[in-house]
Amino acid sequence: MRMVAFEPKKRPTIEEILNSEWMQEINNLNEAQLNALENEIRQELHFRTWQLMREFVQNNDNQQHDYKSNK
């Protein structure tokens, strides 16, 4: 989850990723398991991107509403 953190400073380094327990487990997966994991990661990234876009639109709408209210 840290690898997809919005703020780059919160993301792990490549060295941390490669040495992580999670990465060591990935090295032991067969092709079918790797494909399933890849699909799961793609779905998670798609969902998180959708969430960020939704939050951006909501924040933008709120800012426009506040701007119009202050006129």
PDB file of N, CA and C in Angstrom:
ATOM      1  N   MET A   1       0.819  -1.185   0.000  1.00  0.00           N
ATOM      2  CA  MET A   1       0.000   0.000   0.000  1.00  0.00           C
ATOM      3  C   MET A   1       0.871   1.261   0.000  1.00  0.00           C
ATOM      4  N   ARG A   2       2.022   1.211   0.657  1.00  0.00           N
ATOM      5  CA  ARG A   2       2.899   2.385   0.691  1.00  0.00           C
ATOM      6  C   ARG A   2       3.429   2.721  -0.690  1.00  0.00           C
ATOM      7  N   MET A   3       3.556   1.735  -1.561  1.00  0.00           N
ATOM      8  CA  MET A   3       4.101   1.981  -2.896  1.00  0.00           C
ATOM      9  C   MET A   3       3.206   2.899  -3.721  1.00  0.00           C
ATOM     10  N   VAL A   4       1.929   2.945  -3.436  1.00  0.00           N
ATOM     11  CA  VAL A   4       1.012   3.781  -4.196  1.00  0.00           C
ATOM     12  C   VAL A   4       0.560   5.000  -3.398  1.00  0.00           C
ATOM     13  N   ALA A   5       1.306   5.339  -2.352  1.00  0.00           N
ATOM     14  CA  ALA A   5       0.977   6.528  -1.563  1.00  0.00           C
ATOM     15  C   ALA A   5       1.011   7.758  -2.456  1.00  0.00           C
ATOM     16  N   PHE A   6       0.093   8.677  -2.232  1.00  0.00           N
ATOM     17  CA  PHE A   6       0.008   9.884  -3.045  1.00  0.00           C
ATOM     18  C   PHE A   6       1.263  10.738  -2.901  1.00  0.00           C
ATOM     19  N   GLU A   7       1.749  10.888  -1.689  1.00  0.00           N
ATOM     20  CA  GLU A   7       2.940  11.699  -1.449  1.00  0.00           C
ATOM     21  C   GLU A   7       4.196  10.862  -1.675  1.00  0.00           C
ATOM     22  N   PRO A   8       5.050  11.268  -2.608  1.00  0.00           N
ATOM     23  CA  PRO A   8       6.261  10.491  -2.927  1.00  0.00           C
ATOM     24  C   PRO A   8       7.144  10.207  -1.706  1.00  0.00           C
ATOM     25  N   LYS A   9       7.230  11.137  -0.774  1.00  0.00           N
ATOM     26  CA  LYS A   9       8.083  10.933   0.402  1.00  0.00           C
ATOM     27  C   LYS A   9       7.603   9.782   1.287  1.00  0.00           C
ATOM     28  N   LYS A  10       6.331   9.427   1.150  1.00  0.00           N
ATOM     29  CA  LYS A  10       5.777   8.328   1.949  1.00  0.00           C
ATOM     30  C   LYS A  10       5.969   6.966   1.280  1.00  0.00           C
ATOM     31  N   ARG A  11       6.422   6.977   0.018  1.00  0.00           N
ATOM     32  CA  ARG A  11       6.632   5.721  -0.701  1.00  0.00           C
ATOM     33  C   ARG A  11       7.972   5.109  -0.310  1.00  0.00           C
ATOM     34  N   PRO A  12       8.047   3.771  -0.299  1.00  0.00           N
ATOM     35  CA  PRO A  12       9.335   3.115   0.012  1.00  0.00           C
ATOM     36  C   PRO A  12      10.325   3.264  -1.145  1.00  0.00           C
ATOM     37  N   THR A  13      11.583   3.142  -0.826  1.00  0.00           N
ATOM     38  CA  THR A  13      12.617   3.180  -1.869  1.00  0.00           C
ATOM     39  C   THR A  13      12.607   1.839  -2.609  1.00  0.00           C
ATOM     40  N   ILE A  14      13.256   1.810  -3.762  1.00  0.00           N
ATOM     41  CA  ILE A  14      13.369   0.559  -4.524  1.00  0.00           C
ATOM     42  C   ILE A  14      14.055  -0.506  -3.668  1.00  0.00           C
ATOM     43  N   GLU A  15      15.083  -0.113  -2.957  1.00  0.00           N
ATOM     44  CA  GLU A  15      15.804  -1.060  -2.101  1.00  0.00           C
ATOM     45  C   GLU A  15      14.876  -1.637  -1.032  1.00  0.00           C
ATOM     46  N   GLU A  16      14.058  -0.799  -0.416  1.00  0.00           N
ATOM     47  CA  GLU A  16      13.109  -1.285   0.589  1.00  0.00           C
ATOM     48  C   GLU A  16      12.111  -2.250  -0.027  1.00  0.00           C
ATOM     49  N   ILE A  17      11.663  -1.947  -1.226  1.00  0.00           N
ATOM     50  CA  ILE A  17      10.700  -2.819  -1.903  1.00  0.00           C
ATOM     51  C   ILE A  17      11.335  -4.175  -2.223  1.00  0.00           C
ATOM     52  N   LEU A  18      12.515  -4.136  -2.831  1.00  0.00           N
ATOM     53  CA  LEU A  18      13.168  -5.388  -3.229  1.00  0.00           C
ATOM     54  C   LEU A  18      13.528  -6.266  -2.044  1.00  0.00           C
ATOM     55  N   ASN A  19      13.794  -5.662  -0.900  1.00  0.00           N
ATOM     56  CA  ASN A  19      14.152  -6.432   0.293  1.00  0.00           C
ATOM     57  C   ASN A  19      12.960  -6.767   1.188  1.00  0.00           C
ATOM     58  N   SER A  20      11.784  -6.349   0.781  1.00  0.00           N
ATOM     59  CA  SER A  20      10.599  -6.573   1.614  1.00  0.00           C
ATOM     60  C   SER A  20      10.183  -8.048   1.613  1.00  0.00           C
ATOM     61  N   GLU A  21       9.503  -8.418   2.666  1.00  0.00           N
ATOM     62  CA  GLU A  21       8.966  -9.779   2.779  1.00  0.00           C
ATOM     63  C   GLU A  21       7.990 -10.045   1.632  1.00  0.00           C
ATOM     64  N   TRP A  22       7.207  -9.032   1.292  1.00  0.00           N
ATOM     65  CA  TRP A  22       6.226  -9.156   0.211  1.00  0.00           C
ATOM     66  C   TRP A  22       6.912  -9.518  -1.105  1.00  0.00           C
ATOM     67  N   MET A  23       8.013  -8.855  -1.409  1.00  0.00           N
ATOM     68  CA  MET A  23       8.727  -9.121  -2.657  1.00  0.00           C
ATOM     69  C   MET A  23       9.359 -10.512  -2.637  1.00  0.00           C
ATOM     70  N   GLN A  24       9.843 -10.930  -1.497  1.00  0.00           N
ATOM     71  CA  GLN A  24      10.423 -12.271  -1.389  1.00  0.00           C
ATOM     72  C   GLN A  24       9.355 -13.329  -1.662  1.00  0.00           C
ATOM     73  N   GLU A  25       8.133 -13.078  -1.187  1.00  0.00           N
ATOM     74  CA  GLU A  25       7.031 -14.010  -1.451  1.00  0.00           C
ATOM     75  C   GLU A  25       6.694 -14.041  -2.941  1.00  0.00           C
ATOM     76  N   ILE A  26       6.740 -12.887  -3.593  1.00  0.00           N
ATOM     77  CA  ILE A  26       6.433 -12.816  -5.025  1.00  0.00           C
ATOM     78  C   ILE A  26       7.417 -13.652  -5.834  1.00  0.00           C
ATOM     79  N   ASN A  27       8.659 -13.649  -5.431  1.00  0.00           N
ATOM     80  CA  ASN A  27       9.680 -14.422  -6.153  1.00  0.00           C
ATOM     81  C   ASN A  27       9.385 -15.918  -6.156  1.00  0.00           C
ATOM     82  N   ASN A  28       8.554 -16.380  -5.222  1.00  0.00           N
ATOM     83  CA  ASN A  28       8.236 -17.802  -5.116  1.00  0.00           C
ATOM     84  C   ASN A  28       6.916 -18.186  -5.789  1.00  0.00           C
ATOM     85  N   LEU A  29       6.235 -17.227  -6.444  1.00  0.00           N
ATOM     86  CA  LEU A  29       4.946 -17.518  -7.072  1.00  0.00           C
ATOM     87  C   LEU A  29       5.130 -18.117  -8.462  1.00  0.00           C
ATOM     88  N   ASN A  30       4.167 -18.956  -8.847  1.00  0.00           N
ATOM     89  CA  ASN A  30       4.190 -19.475 -10.218  1.00  0.00           C
ATOM     90  C   ASN A  30       3.501 -18.474 -11.154  1.00  0.00           C
ATOM     91  N   GLU A  31       3.489 -18.751 -12.442  1.00  0.00           N
ATOM     92  CA  GLU A  31       2.970 -17.790 -13.427  1.00  0.00           C
ATOM     93  C   GLU A  31       1.499 -17.462 -13.206  1.00  0.00           C
ATOM     94  N   ALA A  32       0.687 -18.462 -12.909  1.00  0.00           N
ATOM     95  CA  ALA A  32      -0.746 -18.228 -12.682  1.00  0.00           C
ATOM     96  C   ALA A  32      -0.950 -17.332 -11.461  1.00  0.00           C
ATOM     97  N   GLN A  33      -0.177 -17.581 -10.414  1.00  0.00           N
ATOM     98  CA  GLN A  33      -0.281 -16.759  -9.212  1.00  0.00           C
ATOM     99  C   GLN A  33       0.180 -15.324  -9.482  1.00  0.00           C
ATOM    100  N   LEU A  34       1.238 -15.177 -10.269  1.00  0.00           N
ATOM    101  CA  LEU A  34       1.717 -13.841 -10.629  1.00  0.00           C
ATOM    102  C   LEU A  34       0.666 -13.082 -11.439  1.00  0.00           C
ATOM    103  N   ASN A  35       0.013 -13.759 -12.378  1.00  0.00           N
ATOM    104  CA  ASN A  35      -1.036 -13.123 -13.175  1.00  0.00           C
ATOM    105  C   ASN A  35      -2.207 -12.687 -12.304  1.00  0.00           C
ATOM    106  N   ALA A  36      -2.588 -13.525 -11.358  1.00  0.00           N
ATOM    107  CA  ALA A  36      -3.685 -13.172 -10.448  1.00  0.00           C
ATOM    108  C   ALA A  36      -3.303 -11.965  -9.598  1.00  0.00           C
ATOM    109  N   LEU A  37      -2.075 -11.950  -9.110  1.00  0.00           N
ATOM    110  CA  LEU A  37      -1.601 -10.818  -8.313  1.00  0.00           C
ATOM    111  C   LEU A  37      -1.569  -9.543  -9.146  1.00  0.00           C
ATOM    112  N   GLU A  38      -1.095  -9.641 -10.375  1.00  0.00           N
ATOM    113  CA  GLU A  38      -1.052  -8.473 -11.260  1.00  0.00           C
ATOM    114  C   GLU A  38      -2.453  -7.905 -11.475  1.00  0.00           C
ATOM    115  N   ASN A  39      -3.431  -8.776 -11.697  1.00  0.00           N
ATOM    116  CA  ASN A  39      -4.811  -8.315 -11.881  1.00  0.00           C
ATOM    117  C   ASN A  39      -5.336  -7.635 -10.623  1.00  0.00           C
ATOM    118  N   GLU A  40      -5.025  -8.199  -9.476  1.00  0.00           N
ATOM    119  CA  GLU A  40      -5.463  -7.612  -8.212  1.00  0.00           C
ATOM    120  C   GLU A  40      -4.856  -6.215  -8.019  1.00  0.00           C
ATOM    121  N   ILE A  41      -3.585  -6.081  -8.339  1.00  0.00           N
ATOM    122  CA  ILE A  41      -2.910  -4.790  -8.201  1.00  0.00           C
ATOM    123  C   ILE A  41      -3.502  -3.779  -9.175  1.00  0.00           C
ATOM    124  N   ARG A  42      -3.761  -4.200 -10.408  1.00  0.00           N
ATOM    125  CA  ARG A  42      -4.371  -3.300 -11.398  1.00  0.00           C
ATOM    126  C   ARG A  42      -5.736  -2.804 -10.911  1.00  0.00           C
ATOM    127  N   GLN A  43      -6.536  -3.708 -10.361  1.00  0.00           N
ATOM    128  CA  GLN A  43      -7.853  -3.322  -9.860  1.00  0.00           C
ATOM    129  C   GLN A  43      -7.722  -2.333  -8.707  1.00  0.00           C
ATOM    130  N   GLU A  44      -6.784  -2.571  -7.810  1.00  0.00           N
ATOM    131  CA  GLU A  44      -6.574  -1.678  -6.672  1.00  0.00           C
ATOM    132  C   GLU A  44      -6.125  -0.296  -7.148  1.00  0.00           C
ATOM    133  N   LEU A  45      -5.201  -0.243  -8.100  1.00  0.00           N
ATOM    134  CA  LEU A  45      -4.740   1.037  -8.630  1.00  0.00           C
ATOM    135  C   LEU A  45      -5.873   1.779  -9.344  1.00  0.00           C
ATOM    136  N   HIS A  46      -6.671   1.041 -10.085  1.00  0.00           N
ATOM    137  CA  HIS A  46      -7.813   1.643 -10.776  1.00  0.00           C
ATOM    138  C   HIS A  46      -8.776   2.243  -9.752  1.00  0.00           C
ATOM    139  N   PHE A  47      -9.066   1.503  -8.694  1.00  0.00           N
ATOM    140  CA  PHE A  47      -9.983   1.968  -7.660  1.00  0.00           C
ATOM    141  C   PHE A  47      -9.429   3.201  -6.957  1.00  0.00           C
ATOM    142  N   ARG A  48      -8.129   3.169  -6.605  1.00  0.00           N
ATOM    143  CA  ARG A  48      -7.519   4.312  -5.922  1.00  0.00           C
ATOM    144  C   ARG A  48      -7.478   5.543  -6.826  1.00  0.00           C
ATOM    145  N   THR A  49      -7.217   5.340  -8.112  1.00  0.00           N
ATOM    146  CA  THR A  49      -7.219   6.459  -9.055  1.00  0.00           C
ATOM    147  C   THR A  49      -8.610   7.065  -9.137  1.00  0.00           C
ATOM    148  N   TRP A  50      -9.607   6.218  -9.207  1.00  0.00           N
ATOM    149  CA  TRP A  50     -10.994   6.677  -9.252  1.00  0.00           C
ATOM    150  C   TRP A  50     -11.322   7.474  -7.988  1.00  0.00           C
ATOM    151  N   GLN A  51     -10.885   6.985  -6.822  1.00  0.00           N
ATOM    152  CA  GLN A  51     -11.137   7.694  -5.569  1.00  0.00           C
ATOM    153  C   GLN A  51     -10.484   9.072  -5.575  1.00  0.00           C
ATOM    154  N   LEU A  52      -9.229   9.135  -6.005  1.00  0.00           N
ATOM    155  CA  LEU A  52      -8.529  10.413  -6.043  1.00  0.00           C
ATOM    156  C   LEU A  52      -9.197  11.393  -7.000  1.00  0.00           C
ATOM    157  N   MET A  53      -9.629  10.906  -8.139  1.00  0.00           N
ATOM    158  CA  MET A  53     -10.300  11.773  -9.099  1.00  0.00           C
ATOM    159  C   MET A  53     -11.619  12.283  -8.521  1.00  0.00           C
ATOM    160  N   ARG A  54     -12.344  11.413  -7.864  1.00  0.00           N
ATOM    161  CA  ARG A  54     -13.615  11.805  -7.247  1.00  0.00           C
ATOM    162  C   ARG A  54     -13.397  12.871  -6.177  1.00  0.00           C
ATOM    163  N   GLU A  55     -12.379  12.668  -5.335  1.00  0.00           N
ATOM    164  CA  GLU A  55     -12.060  13.657  -4.306  1.00  0.00           C
ATOM    165  C   GLU A  55     -11.656  14.983  -4.938  1.00  0.00           C
ATOM    166  N   PHE A  56     -10.869  14.934  -6.008  1.00  0.00           N
ATOM    167  CA  PHE A  56     -10.447  16.141  -6.687  1.00  0.00           C
ATOM    168  C   PHE A  56     -11.651  16.912  -7.211  1.00  0.00           C
ATOM    169  N   VAL A  57     -12.573  16.209  -7.863  1.00  0.00           N
ATOM    170  CA  VAL A  57     -13.765  16.860  -8.414  1.00  0.00           C
ATOM    171  C   VAL A  57     -14.606  17.447  -7.292  1.00  0.00           C
ATOM    172  N   GLN A  58     -14.789  16.708  -6.210  1.00  0.00           N
ATOM    173  CA  GLN A  58     -15.576  17.214  -5.086  1.00  0.00           C
ATOM    174  C   GLN A  58     -14.929  18.460  -4.485  1.00  0.00           C
ATOM    175  N   ASN A  59     -13.619  18.426  -4.300  1.00  0.00           N
ATOM    176  CA  ASN A  59     -12.922  19.581  -3.748  1.00  0.00           C
ATOM    177  C   ASN A  59     -13.018  20.776  -4.692  1.00  0.00           C
ATOM    178  N   ASN A  60     -12.888  20.522  -5.980  1.00  0.00           N
ATOM    179  CA  ASN A  60     -12.985  21.586  -6.966  1.00  0.00           C
ATOM    180  C   ASN A  60     -14.391  22.182  -6.965  1.00  0.00           C
ATOM    181  N   ASP A  61     -15.407  21.327  -6.893  1.00  0.00           N
ATOM    182  CA  ASP A  61     -16.792  21.808  -6.837  1.00  0.00           C
ATOM    183  C   ASP A  61     -17.018  22.655  -5.592  1.00  0.00           C
ATOM    184  N   ASN A  62     -16.464  22.218  -4.454  1.00  0.00           N
ATOM    185  CA  ASN A  62     -16.622  22.963  -3.206  1.00  0.00           C
ATOM    186  C   ASN A  62     -15.940  24.323  -3.299  1.00  0.00           C
ATOM    187  N   GLN A  63     -14.758  24.361  -3.912  1.00  0.00           N
ATOM    188  CA  GLN A  63     -14.035  25.621  -4.059  1.00  0.00           C
ATOM    189  C   GLN A  63     -14.808  26.578  -4.957  1.00  0.00           C
ATOM    190  N   GLN A  64     -15.379  26.060  -6.033  1.00  0.00           N
ATOM    191  CA  GLN A  64     -16.161  26.916  -6.931  1.00  0.00           C
ATOM    192  C   GLN A  64     -17.401  27.443  -6.206  1.00  0.00           C
ATOM    193  N   HIS A  65     -18.033  26.585  -5.422  1.00  0.00           N
ATOM    194  CA  HIS A  65     -19.217  27.002  -4.660  1.00  0.00           C
ATOM    195  C   HIS A  65     -18.838  28.090  -3.663  1.00  0.00           C
ATOM    196  N   ASP A  66     -17.716  27.908  -2.953  1.00  0.00           N
ATOM    197  CA  ASP A  66     -17.255  28.909  -1.993  1.00  0.00           C
ATOM    198  C   ASP A  66     -16.930  30.222  -2.692  1.00  0.00           C
ATOM    199  N   TYR A  67     -16.319  30.136  -3.870  1.00  0.00           N
ATOM    200  CA  TYR A  67     -15.958  31.327  -4.627  1.00  0.00           C
ATOM    201  C   TYR A  67     -17.215  32.102  -5.017  1.00  0.00           C
ATOM    202  N   LYS A  68     -18.221  31.379  -5.524  1.00  0.00           N
ATOM    203  CA  LYS A  68     -19.467  32.029  -5.941  1.00  0.00           C
ATOM    204  C   LYS A  68     -20.195  32.623  -4.738  1.00  0.00           C
ATOM    205  N   SER A  69     -20.124  31.969  -3.586  1.00  0.00           N
ATOM    206  CA  SER A  69     -20.798  32.455  -2.379  1.00  0.00           C
ATOM    207  C   SER A  69     -20.155  33.728  -1.855  1.00  0.00           C
ATOM    208  N   ASN A  70     -18.855  33.899  -2.082  1.00  0.00           N
ATOM    209  CA  ASN A  70     -18.138  35.057  -1.569  1.00  0.00           C
ATOM    210  C   ASN A  70     -18.229  36.271  -2.484  1.00  0.00           C
ATOM    211  N   LYS A  71     -18.822  36.134  -3.652  1.00  0.00           N
ATOM    212  CA  LYS A  71     -18.953  37.277  -4.589  1.00  0.00           C
ATOM    213  C   LYS A  71     -19.972  38.264  -4.112  1.00  0.00           C
TER     214      LYS A  71
END
